């Protein structure tokens, strides 16, 4: 099935399809085909080629991604995509293997990724996208965000998680004080004060 015919991230990155060279572009919300060379993702700034990255991919804005009802998703803001490729072109029965660094890309559009209050998961990905008659292409990429948002879109990075942890600690302290006021502990009697049987 051609990559462009896949309408969702899950469908695009079905097990087995990665060998056909498909990757999901978060910025455009499309399934595209990688090309052999140092720029395998073309114009796509935020590619995923591991299916685990699909869980949050259907959210296209911080407002729908970084909300309390999606605690397993984080919104990635501006970022840098770094990586390396190893490729072999099969041409007239000869193979020329090359390993090169990709040009770093500035990711301007945000993307929704799996994660939690202390960061996103799966920012380092690696896979073999082609391995056949056309050649061989192995890719490793790392997405390095300037900031991310979890459960809200105002306070970046771990600020939201730390704020929530502080609120829980404060609530626990208040609850403990209330329980102490409602159910005061009886003073313990010394052994010498206990009645003899």
N, C-alpha and C. Protein backbone atom coordinates (compact mmCIF):
# COMPACT_ATOMS: atom_id res chain seq x y z
N UNK A 1 0.86 -1.19 0.00
CA UNK A 1 0.00 0.00 0.00
C UNK A 1 0.90 1.24 0.00
N UNK A 2 0.70 2.17 -0.91
CA UNK A 2 1.53 3.38 -0.94
C UNK A 2 1.39 4.18 0.35
N UNK A 3 2.48 4.79 0.77
CA UNK A 3 2.48 5.54 2.04
C UNK A 3 1.37 6.59 2.05
N UNK A 4 1.19 7.30 0.96
CA UNK A 4 0.23 8.41 0.92
C UNK A 4 -1.21 7.95 1.13
N UNK A 5 -1.49 6.65 0.97
CA UNK A 5 -2.85 6.14 1.15
C UNK A 5 -3.22 5.92 2.61
N UNK A 6 -2.24 5.99 3.49
CA UNK A 6 -2.52 5.81 4.93
C UNK A 6 -3.03 7.13 5.50
N UNK A 7 -4.18 7.07 6.17
CA UNK A 7 -4.81 8.30 6.67
C UNK A 7 -4.47 8.60 8.12
N UNK A 8 -3.85 7.65 8.82
CA UNK A 8 -3.55 7.88 10.24
C UNK A 8 -2.13 7.42 10.54
N UNK A 9 -1.61 7.91 11.66
CA UNK A 9 -0.27 7.53 12.10
C UNK A 9 -0.20 6.03 12.34
N UNK A 10 -1.21 5.47 13.03
CA UNK A 10 -1.21 4.03 13.33
C UNK A 10 -1.15 3.20 12.05
N UNK A 11 -1.96 3.58 11.07
CA UNK A 11 -1.99 2.86 9.81
C UNK A 11 -0.66 3.01 9.06
N UNK A 12 -0.12 4.22 9.10
CA UNK A 12 1.14 4.51 8.39
C UNK A 12 2.29 3.67 8.93
N UNK A 13 2.31 3.49 10.25
CA UNK A 13 3.44 2.81 10.89
C UNK A 13 3.09 1.40 11.36
N UNK A 14 2.16 0.76 10.65
CA UNK A 14 1.84 -0.64 10.95
C UNK A 14 3.11 -1.47 10.95
N UNK A 15 3.22 -2.44 11.85
CA UNK A 15 4.41 -3.30 11.82
C UNK A 15 4.60 -3.89 10.43
N UNK A 16 5.81 -3.80 9.94
CA UNK A 16 6.12 -4.30 8.59
C UNK A 16 6.16 -3.20 7.57
N UNK A 17 5.36 -2.13 7.75
CA UNK A 17 5.32 -1.07 6.76
C UNK A 17 6.58 -0.20 6.78
N UNK A 18 7.30 -0.17 7.94
CA UNK A 18 8.49 0.67 8.01
C UNK A 18 9.53 0.22 6.98
N UNK A 19 9.51 -1.09 6.64
CA UNK A 19 10.48 -1.57 5.65
C UNK A 19 10.17 -1.02 4.26
N UNK A 20 8.96 -0.47 4.09
CA UNK A 20 8.60 0.15 2.81
C UNK A 20 8.99 1.62 2.76
N UNK A 21 9.49 2.15 3.87
CA UNK A 21 9.96 3.52 3.88
C UNK A 21 8.94 4.55 4.30
N UNK A 22 7.83 4.13 4.92
CA UNK A 22 6.81 5.10 5.35
C UNK A 22 7.19 5.75 6.68
N UNK A 23 6.88 7.02 6.81
CA UNK A 23 7.02 7.72 8.08
C UNK A 23 5.85 8.68 8.23
N UNK A 24 5.54 9.04 9.47
CA UNK A 24 4.44 9.96 9.75
C UNK A 24 5.01 11.34 10.00
N UNK A 25 4.49 12.33 9.30
CA UNK A 25 4.92 13.71 9.49
C UNK A 25 3.90 14.41 10.39
N UNK A 26 4.30 14.72 11.62
CA UNK A 26 3.39 15.34 12.59
C UNK A 26 2.93 16.72 12.11
N UNK A 27 3.86 17.47 11.52
CA UNK A 27 3.53 18.85 11.13
C UNK A 27 2.40 18.91 10.11
N UNK A 28 2.42 17.99 9.13
CA UNK A 28 1.40 18.02 8.09
C UNK A 28 0.28 17.02 8.33
N UNK A 29 0.48 16.08 9.27
CA UNK A 29 -0.52 15.05 9.52
C UNK A 29 -0.68 14.10 8.36
N UNK A 30 0.45 13.78 7.68
CA UNK A 30 0.39 12.91 6.52
C UNK A 30 1.42 11.78 6.62
N UNK A 31 1.12 10.70 5.91
CA UNK A 31 2.05 9.57 5.81
C UNK A 31 2.85 9.76 4.52
N UNK A 32 4.16 9.78 4.64
CA UNK A 32 5.02 10.05 3.49
C UNK A 32 6.07 8.97 3.33
N UNK A 33 6.73 9.00 2.18
CA UNK A 33 7.75 7.99 1.89
C UNK A 33 9.13 8.62 1.99
N UNK A 34 10.01 7.97 2.76
CA UNK A 34 11.38 8.46 2.89
C UNK A 34 12.15 8.23 1.59
N UNK A 35 13.17 9.04 1.41
CA UNK A 35 14.01 8.86 0.23
C UNK A 35 15.43 8.53 0.67
N UNK A 36 16.13 7.76 -0.13
CA UNK A 36 17.50 7.38 0.21
C UNK A 36 18.41 8.58 0.00
N UNK A 37 19.19 8.91 1.02
CA UNK A 37 20.09 10.05 0.94
C UNK A 37 20.21 10.72 2.29
N UNK A 38 20.86 11.85 2.34
CA UNK A 38 21.09 12.52 3.62
C UNK A 38 19.87 13.31 4.11
N UNK A 39 18.87 13.50 3.27
CA UNK A 39 17.64 14.20 3.67
C UNK A 39 16.45 13.28 3.44
N UNK A 40 16.35 12.20 4.24
CA UNK A 40 15.31 11.18 3.95
C UNK A 40 13.88 11.66 4.16
N UNK A 41 13.69 12.73 4.95
CA UNK A 41 12.34 13.17 5.28
C UNK A 41 11.89 14.40 4.50
N UNK A 42 12.69 14.81 3.54
CA UNK A 42 12.30 15.94 2.70
C UNK A 42 12.05 17.20 3.52
N UNK A 43 10.86 17.78 3.34
CA UNK A 43 10.51 19.03 4.02
C UNK A 43 9.89 18.81 5.40
N UNK A 44 9.67 17.55 5.78
CA UNK A 44 9.01 17.28 7.07
C UNK A 44 9.96 17.60 8.22
N UNK A 45 9.49 18.42 9.14
CA UNK A 45 10.32 18.85 10.27
C UNK A 45 10.23 17.90 11.46
N UNK A 46 9.14 17.17 11.59
CA UNK A 46 8.91 16.40 12.81
C UNK A 46 8.41 14.99 12.44
N UNK A 47 9.31 14.13 11.91
CA UNK A 47 8.88 12.80 11.47
C UNK A 47 8.88 11.78 12.60
N UNK A 48 8.02 10.80 12.50
CA UNK A 48 8.04 9.63 13.39
C UNK A 48 8.00 8.39 12.53
N UNK A 49 8.80 7.42 12.92
CA UNK A 49 8.77 6.15 12.21
C UNK A 49 8.71 4.98 13.18
N UNK A 50 8.37 5.29 14.46
CA UNK A 50 8.13 4.27 15.47
C UNK A 50 6.67 4.36 15.88
N UNK A 51 5.95 3.24 15.86
CA UNK A 51 4.51 3.27 16.08
C UNK A 51 4.12 3.79 17.46
N UNK A 52 5.01 3.62 18.44
CA UNK A 52 4.73 4.11 19.78
C UNK A 52 4.53 5.62 19.83
N UNK A 53 4.99 6.32 18.79
CA UNK A 53 4.84 7.78 18.75
C UNK A 53 3.45 8.21 18.28
N UNK A 54 2.60 7.25 17.93
CA UNK A 54 1.29 7.58 17.36
C UNK A 54 0.22 7.88 18.40
N UNK A 55 0.44 7.50 19.65
CA UNK A 55 -0.62 7.58 20.65
C UNK A 55 -1.24 8.97 20.78
N UNK A 56 -0.44 10.01 20.57
CA UNK A 56 -0.93 11.38 20.76
C UNK A 56 -0.97 12.17 19.44
N UNK A 57 -0.63 11.52 18.34
CA UNK A 57 -0.44 12.23 17.07
C UNK A 57 -1.71 12.88 16.52
N UNK A 58 -2.90 12.43 16.95
CA UNK A 58 -4.13 13.01 16.41
C UNK A 58 -4.43 14.39 16.98
N UNK A 59 -3.72 14.81 18.03
CA UNK A 59 -3.89 16.16 18.57
C UNK A 59 -3.02 17.12 17.76
N UNK A 60 -3.62 18.16 17.24
CA UNK A 60 -2.89 19.06 16.34
C UNK A 60 -2.63 20.44 16.92
N UNK A 61 -2.98 20.64 18.20
CA UNK A 61 -2.71 21.92 18.83
C UNK A 61 -2.39 21.69 20.30
N UNK A 62 -1.71 22.65 20.91
CA UNK A 62 -1.40 22.54 22.34
C UNK A 62 -2.70 22.46 23.14
N UNK A 63 -3.72 23.23 22.73
CA UNK A 63 -4.98 23.27 23.45
C UNK A 63 -5.70 21.94 23.53
N UNK A 64 -5.49 21.06 22.54
CA UNK A 64 -6.14 19.75 22.61
C UNK A 64 -5.20 18.68 23.15
N UNK A 65 -3.88 18.95 23.08
CA UNK A 65 -2.89 17.96 23.51
C UNK A 65 -2.56 18.08 24.99
N UNK A 66 -2.15 19.27 25.42
CA UNK A 66 -1.66 19.47 26.79
C UNK A 66 -2.79 19.86 27.71
N UNK A 67 -3.66 18.91 28.00
CA UNK A 67 -4.78 19.13 28.91
C UNK A 67 -4.79 18.02 29.95
N UNK A 68 -5.42 18.28 31.08
CA UNK A 68 -5.41 17.33 32.20
C UNK A 68 -6.02 15.98 31.82
N UNK A 69 -6.91 15.98 30.82
CA UNK A 69 -7.54 14.72 30.41
C UNK A 69 -6.61 13.87 29.55
N UNK A 70 -5.46 14.42 29.16
CA UNK A 70 -4.45 13.66 28.38
C UNK A 70 -3.13 13.62 29.15
N UNK A 71 -3.09 12.97 30.31
CA UNK A 71 -1.86 13.01 31.12
C UNK A 71 -0.68 12.27 30.48
N UNK A 72 -0.94 11.49 29.43
CA UNK A 72 0.15 10.74 28.78
C UNK A 72 0.66 11.44 27.53
N UNK A 73 0.24 12.71 27.31
CA UNK A 73 0.67 13.45 26.12
C UNK A 73 1.32 14.77 26.52
N UNK A 74 2.33 15.19 25.77
CA UNK A 74 2.94 16.51 25.96
C UNK A 74 3.03 17.20 24.60
N UNK A 75 2.92 18.52 24.64
CA UNK A 75 3.04 19.32 23.43
C UNK A 75 4.49 19.82 23.32
N UNK A 76 5.15 19.50 22.23
CA UNK A 76 6.52 19.93 21.99
C UNK A 76 6.48 21.26 21.25
N UNK A 77 7.17 22.23 21.79
CA UNK A 77 7.26 23.53 21.13
C UNK A 77 8.39 23.53 20.11
N UNK A 78 8.96 24.68 19.79
CA UNK A 78 10.08 24.74 18.84
C UNK A 78 11.18 23.76 19.26
N UNK A 79 11.80 23.10 18.28
CA UNK A 79 12.78 22.07 18.58
C UNK A 79 13.81 21.99 17.46
N UNK A 80 14.80 21.17 17.68
CA UNK A 80 15.80 20.89 16.65
C UNK A 80 15.81 19.40 16.39
N UNK A 81 15.79 19.01 15.13
CA UNK A 81 15.86 17.61 14.75
C UNK A 81 17.28 17.31 14.28
N UNK A 82 17.97 16.43 15.02
CA UNK A 82 19.32 16.03 14.65
C UNK A 82 19.30 14.57 14.27
N UNK A 83 20.26 14.15 13.48
CA UNK A 83 20.28 12.73 13.15
C UNK A 83 21.41 12.33 12.24
N UNK A 84 21.41 11.04 11.96
CA UNK A 84 22.39 10.49 11.03
C UNK A 84 21.71 9.43 10.19
N UNK A 85 22.23 9.21 9.02
CA UNK A 85 21.68 8.21 8.11
C UNK A 85 22.82 7.32 7.61
N UNK A 86 22.47 6.08 7.36
CA UNK A 86 23.39 5.16 6.70
C UNK A 86 22.64 4.61 5.51
N UNK A 87 23.16 4.83 4.33
CA UNK A 87 22.41 4.39 3.16
C UNK A 87 23.33 3.71 2.15
N UNK A 88 22.70 2.80 1.40
CA UNK A 88 23.39 2.07 0.34
C UNK A 88 22.51 2.13 -0.89
N UNK A 89 23.02 2.61 -1.98
CA UNK A 89 22.31 2.59 -3.25
C UNK A 89 22.73 1.35 -4.02
N UNK A 90 21.76 0.55 -4.42
CA UNK A 90 22.07 -0.60 -5.27
C UNK A 90 21.95 -0.16 -6.73
N UNK A 91 23.07 -0.02 -7.37
CA UNK A 91 23.09 0.52 -8.74
C UNK A 91 23.99 -0.36 -9.61
N UNK A 92 23.39 -0.97 -10.61
CA UNK A 92 24.13 -1.86 -11.51
C UNK A 92 24.94 -2.91 -10.73
N UNK A 93 24.27 -3.54 -9.77
CA UNK A 93 24.84 -4.64 -8.99
C UNK A 93 26.05 -4.22 -8.14
N UNK A 94 26.20 -2.95 -7.92
CA UNK A 94 27.26 -2.50 -7.01
C UNK A 94 26.61 -1.74 -5.86
N UNK A 95 27.25 -1.74 -4.74
CA UNK A 95 26.70 -1.07 -3.57
C UNK A 95 27.72 -0.09 -3.01
N UNK A 96 27.28 1.12 -2.76
CA UNK A 96 28.13 2.13 -2.15
C UNK A 96 27.49 2.54 -0.83
N UNK A 97 28.09 2.12 0.28
CA UNK A 97 27.54 2.43 1.60
C UNK A 97 28.11 3.75 2.10
N UNK A 98 27.25 4.58 2.64
CA UNK A 98 27.66 5.87 3.17
C UNK A 98 26.95 6.11 4.50
N UNK A 99 27.68 6.64 5.47
CA UNK A 99 27.06 7.06 6.73
C UNK A 99 27.35 8.54 6.89
N UNK A 100 26.30 9.33 7.05
CA UNK A 100 26.46 10.77 7.14
C UNK A 100 25.49 11.35 8.16
N UNK A 101 25.85 12.53 8.67
CA UNK A 101 24.94 13.25 9.54
C UNK A 101 23.90 13.97 8.69
N UNK A 102 22.69 14.00 9.18
CA UNK A 102 21.65 14.79 8.51
C UNK A 102 21.87 16.25 8.83
N UNK A 103 21.40 17.11 7.97
CA UNK A 103 21.38 18.54 8.31
C UNK A 103 20.37 18.73 9.44
N UNK A 104 20.74 19.50 10.46
CA UNK A 104 19.80 19.77 11.55
C UNK A 104 18.63 20.60 11.02
N UNK A 105 17.45 20.26 11.47
CA UNK A 105 16.25 20.98 11.05
C UNK A 105 15.68 21.74 12.23
N UNK A 106 15.20 22.93 12.01
CA UNK A 106 14.50 23.68 13.03
C UNK A 106 13.02 23.36 12.92
N UNK A 107 12.47 22.78 13.98
CA UNK A 107 11.05 22.42 13.98
C UNK A 107 10.27 23.63 14.50
N UNK A 108 9.56 24.28 13.62
CA UNK A 108 8.82 25.48 14.01
C UNK A 108 7.42 25.13 14.51
N UNK A 109 6.79 24.18 13.85
CA UNK A 109 5.44 23.78 14.26
C UNK A 109 5.54 22.83 15.44
N UNK A 110 4.60 22.92 16.36
CA UNK A 110 4.60 22.01 17.50
C UNK A 110 4.06 20.65 17.12
N UNK A 111 4.19 19.71 18.03
CA UNK A 111 3.66 18.38 17.82
C UNK A 111 3.30 17.75 19.16
N UNK A 112 2.32 16.86 19.15
CA UNK A 112 1.88 16.18 20.35
C UNK A 112 2.54 14.81 20.42
N UNK A 113 3.27 14.56 21.51
CA UNK A 113 4.05 13.34 21.66
C UNK A 113 3.71 12.64 22.97
N UNK A 114 3.92 11.33 23.05
CA UNK A 114 3.75 10.64 24.32
C UNK A 114 4.72 11.21 25.36
N UNK A 115 4.30 11.31 26.60
CA UNK A 115 5.18 11.83 27.64
C UNK A 115 4.44 12.00 28.95
N UNK A 116 5.06 12.74 29.85
CA UNK A 116 4.47 13.03 31.16
C UNK A 116 5.00 14.36 31.64
N UNK A 117 4.77 14.70 32.89
CA UNK A 117 5.12 16.03 33.38
C UNK A 117 6.60 16.37 33.35
N UNK A 118 7.45 15.36 33.20
CA UNK A 118 8.89 15.62 33.21
C UNK A 118 9.54 15.37 31.85
N UNK A 119 8.74 15.40 30.78
CA UNK A 119 9.32 15.31 29.44
C UNK A 119 8.56 14.38 28.51
N UNK A 120 9.01 14.38 27.27
CA UNK A 120 8.40 13.55 26.23
C UNK A 120 9.17 12.24 26.11
N UNK A 121 8.48 11.20 25.67
CA UNK A 121 9.11 9.90 25.43
C UNK A 121 9.44 9.77 23.94
N UNK A 122 10.37 8.90 23.65
CA UNK A 122 10.64 8.53 22.26
C UNK A 122 11.25 9.61 21.40
N UNK A 123 11.94 10.57 22.01
CA UNK A 123 12.53 11.64 21.20
C UNK A 123 13.74 11.14 20.41
N UNK A 124 14.31 10.01 20.83
CA UNK A 124 15.37 9.36 20.04
C UNK A 124 14.72 8.16 19.35
N UNK A 125 14.80 8.12 18.03
CA UNK A 125 14.23 7.02 17.26
C UNK A 125 15.29 6.48 16.31
N UNK A 126 15.23 5.18 16.03
CA UNK A 126 16.08 4.63 14.99
C UNK A 126 15.38 3.44 14.34
N UNK A 127 15.60 3.30 13.06
CA UNK A 127 14.94 2.23 12.30
C UNK A 127 15.60 2.05 10.95
N UNK A 128 15.35 0.90 10.35
CA UNK A 128 15.73 0.67 8.96
C UNK A 128 14.48 0.90 8.13
N UNK A 129 14.51 1.91 7.28
CA UNK A 129 13.32 2.27 6.50
C UNK A 129 13.26 1.56 5.15
N UNK A 130 14.42 1.22 4.61
CA UNK A 130 14.47 0.43 3.37
C UNK A 130 15.49 -0.67 3.58
N UNK A 131 15.21 -1.81 3.03
CA UNK A 131 16.22 -2.87 2.99
C UNK A 131 15.80 -3.82 1.88
N UNK A 132 16.18 -3.52 0.68
CA UNK A 132 15.74 -4.34 -0.45
C UNK A 132 16.40 -3.94 -1.74
N UNK A 133 15.68 -4.14 -2.86
CA UNK A 133 16.23 -3.90 -4.18
C UNK A 133 16.64 -2.46 -4.42
N UNK A 134 15.90 -1.51 -3.81
CA UNK A 134 16.21 -0.11 -4.02
C UNK A 134 17.46 0.33 -3.27
N UNK A 135 17.74 -0.37 -2.18
CA UNK A 135 18.88 -0.02 -1.36
C UNK A 135 18.56 -0.21 0.11
N UNK A 136 19.41 0.35 0.93
CA UNK A 136 19.28 0.20 2.38
C UNK A 136 19.35 1.59 2.99
N UNK A 137 18.44 1.88 3.92
CA UNK A 137 18.44 3.17 4.59
C UNK A 137 18.14 2.97 6.07
N UNK A 138 19.12 3.26 6.92
CA UNK A 138 18.91 3.24 8.36
C UNK A 138 19.01 4.67 8.86
N UNK A 139 18.12 5.03 9.75
CA UNK A 139 18.03 6.41 10.23
C UNK A 139 18.03 6.42 11.75
N UNK A 140 18.73 7.39 12.33
CA UNK A 140 18.62 7.65 13.76
C UNK A 140 18.42 9.15 13.92
N UNK A 141 17.39 9.52 14.66
CA UNK A 141 17.11 10.95 14.86
C UNK A 141 16.87 11.23 16.34
N UNK A 142 17.11 12.47 16.70
CA UNK A 142 16.80 12.93 18.06
C UNK A 142 16.12 14.29 17.94
N UNK A 143 14.98 14.40 18.58
CA UNK A 143 14.25 15.66 18.62
C UNK A 143 14.60 16.36 19.93
N UNK A 144 15.18 17.55 19.84
CA UNK A 144 15.62 18.30 21.03
C UNK A 144 14.75 19.54 21.17
N UNK A 145 13.72 19.50 22.03
CA UNK A 145 12.81 20.65 22.15
C UNK A 145 13.36 21.76 23.03
N UNK A 146 13.01 23.00 22.68
CA UNK A 146 13.31 24.13 23.56
C UNK A 146 12.44 24.07 24.80
N UNK A 147 11.19 23.64 24.61
CA UNK A 147 10.27 23.54 25.74
C UNK A 147 9.13 22.60 25.38
N UNK A 148 8.46 22.12 26.41
CA UNK A 148 7.29 21.27 26.22
C UNK A 148 6.23 21.67 27.23
N UNK A 149 5.00 21.27 26.97
CA UNK A 149 3.88 21.63 27.84
C UNK A 149 3.10 20.38 28.20
N UNK A 150 2.79 20.26 29.49
CA UNK A 150 2.04 19.10 29.98
C UNK A 150 0.86 19.59 30.81
N UNK A 151 -0.31 19.11 30.48
CA UNK A 151 -1.56 19.38 31.21
C UNK A 151 -2.06 20.82 31.09
N UNK A 152 -1.30 21.71 30.46
CA UNK A 152 -1.71 23.10 30.22
C UNK A 152 -0.71 23.72 29.25
N UNK A 153 -1.02 24.89 28.72
CA UNK A 153 -0.18 25.50 27.69
C UNK A 153 0.46 26.82 28.13
N UNK A 154 0.51 27.07 29.43
CA UNK A 154 1.08 28.33 29.90
C UNK A 154 2.44 28.17 30.58
N UNK A 155 2.60 27.13 31.36
CA UNK A 155 3.82 26.92 32.15
C UNK A 155 4.64 25.82 31.49
N UNK A 156 5.83 26.15 30.93
CA UNK A 156 6.58 25.15 30.18
C UNK A 156 7.37 24.18 31.06
N UNK A 157 7.77 23.10 30.41
CA UNK A 157 8.65 22.09 30.99
C UNK A 157 8.06 21.49 32.27
N UNK A 158 8.90 21.18 33.27
CA UNK A 158 8.38 20.45 34.43
C UNK A 158 7.63 21.34 35.40
N UNK A 159 7.48 22.64 35.10
CA UNK A 159 6.80 23.57 36.00
C UNK A 159 5.41 23.10 36.38
N UNK A 160 4.65 22.60 35.42
CA UNK A 160 3.29 22.15 35.69
C UNK A 160 3.27 20.95 36.63
N UNK A 161 4.20 20.00 36.40
CA UNK A 161 4.25 18.80 37.25
C UNK A 161 4.66 19.18 38.67
N UNK A 162 5.64 20.08 38.81
CA UNK A 162 6.09 20.49 40.14
C UNK A 162 4.98 21.25 40.87
N UNK A 163 4.25 22.07 40.13
CA UNK A 163 3.13 22.81 40.73
C UNK A 163 2.07 21.84 41.24
N UNK A 164 1.78 20.82 40.43
CA UNK A 164 0.77 19.83 40.82
C UNK A 164 1.25 19.03 42.04
N UNK A 165 2.55 18.66 42.06
CA UNK A 165 3.08 17.92 43.20
C UNK A 165 3.01 18.78 44.48
N UNK A 166 3.30 20.09 44.35
CA UNK A 166 3.22 21.00 45.49
C UNK A 166 1.79 21.10 46.01
N UNK A 167 0.82 21.15 45.08
CA UNK A 167 -0.59 21.25 45.48
C UNK A 167 -1.03 19.97 46.20
N UNK A 168 -0.56 18.82 45.71
CA UNK A 168 -0.91 17.55 46.36
C UNK A 168 -0.30 17.48 47.76
N UNK A 169 0.96 17.92 47.88
CA UNK A 169 1.62 17.91 49.20
C UNK A 169 0.90 18.84 50.17
N UNK A 170 0.50 20.03 49.69
CA UNK A 170 -0.22 20.98 50.55
C UNK A 170 -1.57 20.40 50.98
N UNK A 171 -2.27 19.77 50.02
CA UNK A 171 -3.58 19.18 50.34
C UNK A 171 -3.42 18.05 51.35
N UNK A 172 -2.35 17.26 51.22
CA UNK A 172 -2.11 16.16 52.16
C UNK A 172 -1.82 16.70 53.56
N UNK A 173 -1.08 17.82 53.64
CA UNK A 173 -0.76 18.42 54.94
C UNK A 173 -2.03 18.96 55.61
N UNK A 174 -2.89 19.61 54.82
CA UNK A 174 -4.15 20.14 55.36
C UNK A 174 -5.04 19.00 55.83
N UNK A 175 -5.13 17.94 55.03
CA UNK A 175 -5.96 16.79 55.40
C UNK A 175 -5.44 16.13 56.67
N UNK A 176 -4.12 16.03 56.80
CA UNK A 176 -3.52 15.44 57.99
C UNK A 176 -3.84 16.28 59.23
N UNK A 177 -3.76 17.61 59.07
CA UNK A 177 -4.08 18.50 60.20
C UNK A 177 -5.55 18.37 60.59
N UNK A 178 -6.45 18.29 59.61
CA UNK A 178 -7.88 18.14 59.89
C UNK A 178 -8.17 16.82 60.60
N UNK A 179 -7.52 15.75 60.13
CA UNK A 179 -7.73 14.44 60.75
C UNK A 179 -7.25 14.46 62.20
N UNK A 180 -6.13 15.18 62.44
CA UNK A 180 -5.61 15.30 63.80
C UNK A 180 -6.56 16.07 64.71
N UNK A 181 -7.25 17.08 64.13
CA UNK A 181 -8.19 17.88 64.92
C UNK A 181 -9.47 17.11 65.21
N UNK A 182 -9.93 16.32 64.26
CA UNK A 182 -11.18 15.57 64.42
C UNK A 182 -10.99 14.35 65.31
N UNK A 183 -9.88 13.67 65.12
CA UNK A 183 -9.61 12.45 65.88
C UNK A 183 -8.32 12.64 66.68
N UNK A 184 -8.41 13.41 67.80
CA UNK A 184 -7.18 13.62 68.57
C UNK A 184 -6.68 12.31 69.17
N UNK A 185 -5.40 12.16 69.26
CA UNK A 185 -4.82 10.95 69.83
C UNK A 185 -4.94 11.01 71.35
N UNK A 186 -5.31 9.89 71.95
CA UNK A 186 -5.37 9.80 73.40
C UNK A 186 -3.95 9.67 73.93
N UNK A 187 -3.67 10.33 75.04
CA UNK A 187 -2.32 10.19 75.59
C UNK A 187 -2.05 8.75 76.00
N UNK A 188 -0.86 8.28 75.75
CA UNK A 188 -0.49 6.92 76.11
C UNK A 188 -0.18 6.88 77.61
N UNK A 189 -0.66 5.82 78.27
CA UNK A 189 -0.41 5.67 79.71
C UNK A 189 0.86 4.86 79.92
N UNK A 190 1.58 5.22 80.91
CA UNK A 190 2.80 4.48 81.25
C UNK A 190 2.42 3.11 81.76
N UNK A 191 3.33 2.16 81.65
CA UNK A 191 3.07 0.78 82.10
C UNK A 191 2.73 0.75 83.57
N UNK A 192 3.36 1.63 84.35
CA UNK A 192 3.10 1.62 85.80
C UNK A 192 1.69 2.06 86.15
N UNK A 193 1.02 2.72 85.19
CA UNK A 193 -0.35 3.20 85.46
C UNK A 193 -1.40 2.17 85.09
N UNK A 194 -1.00 1.10 84.38
CA UNK A 194 -1.96 0.09 83.96
C UNK A 194 -2.43 -0.71 85.16
N UNK A 195 -3.75 -1.06 85.20
CA UNK A 195 -4.28 -1.85 86.33
C UNK A 195 -3.69 -3.25 86.35
N UNK A 196 -3.44 -3.78 87.54
CA UNK A 196 -2.95 -5.14 87.68
C UNK A 196 -4.11 -6.11 87.64
N UNK A 197 -3.93 -7.24 87.00
CA UNK A 197 -5.00 -8.24 86.89
C UNK A 197 -4.74 -9.35 87.90
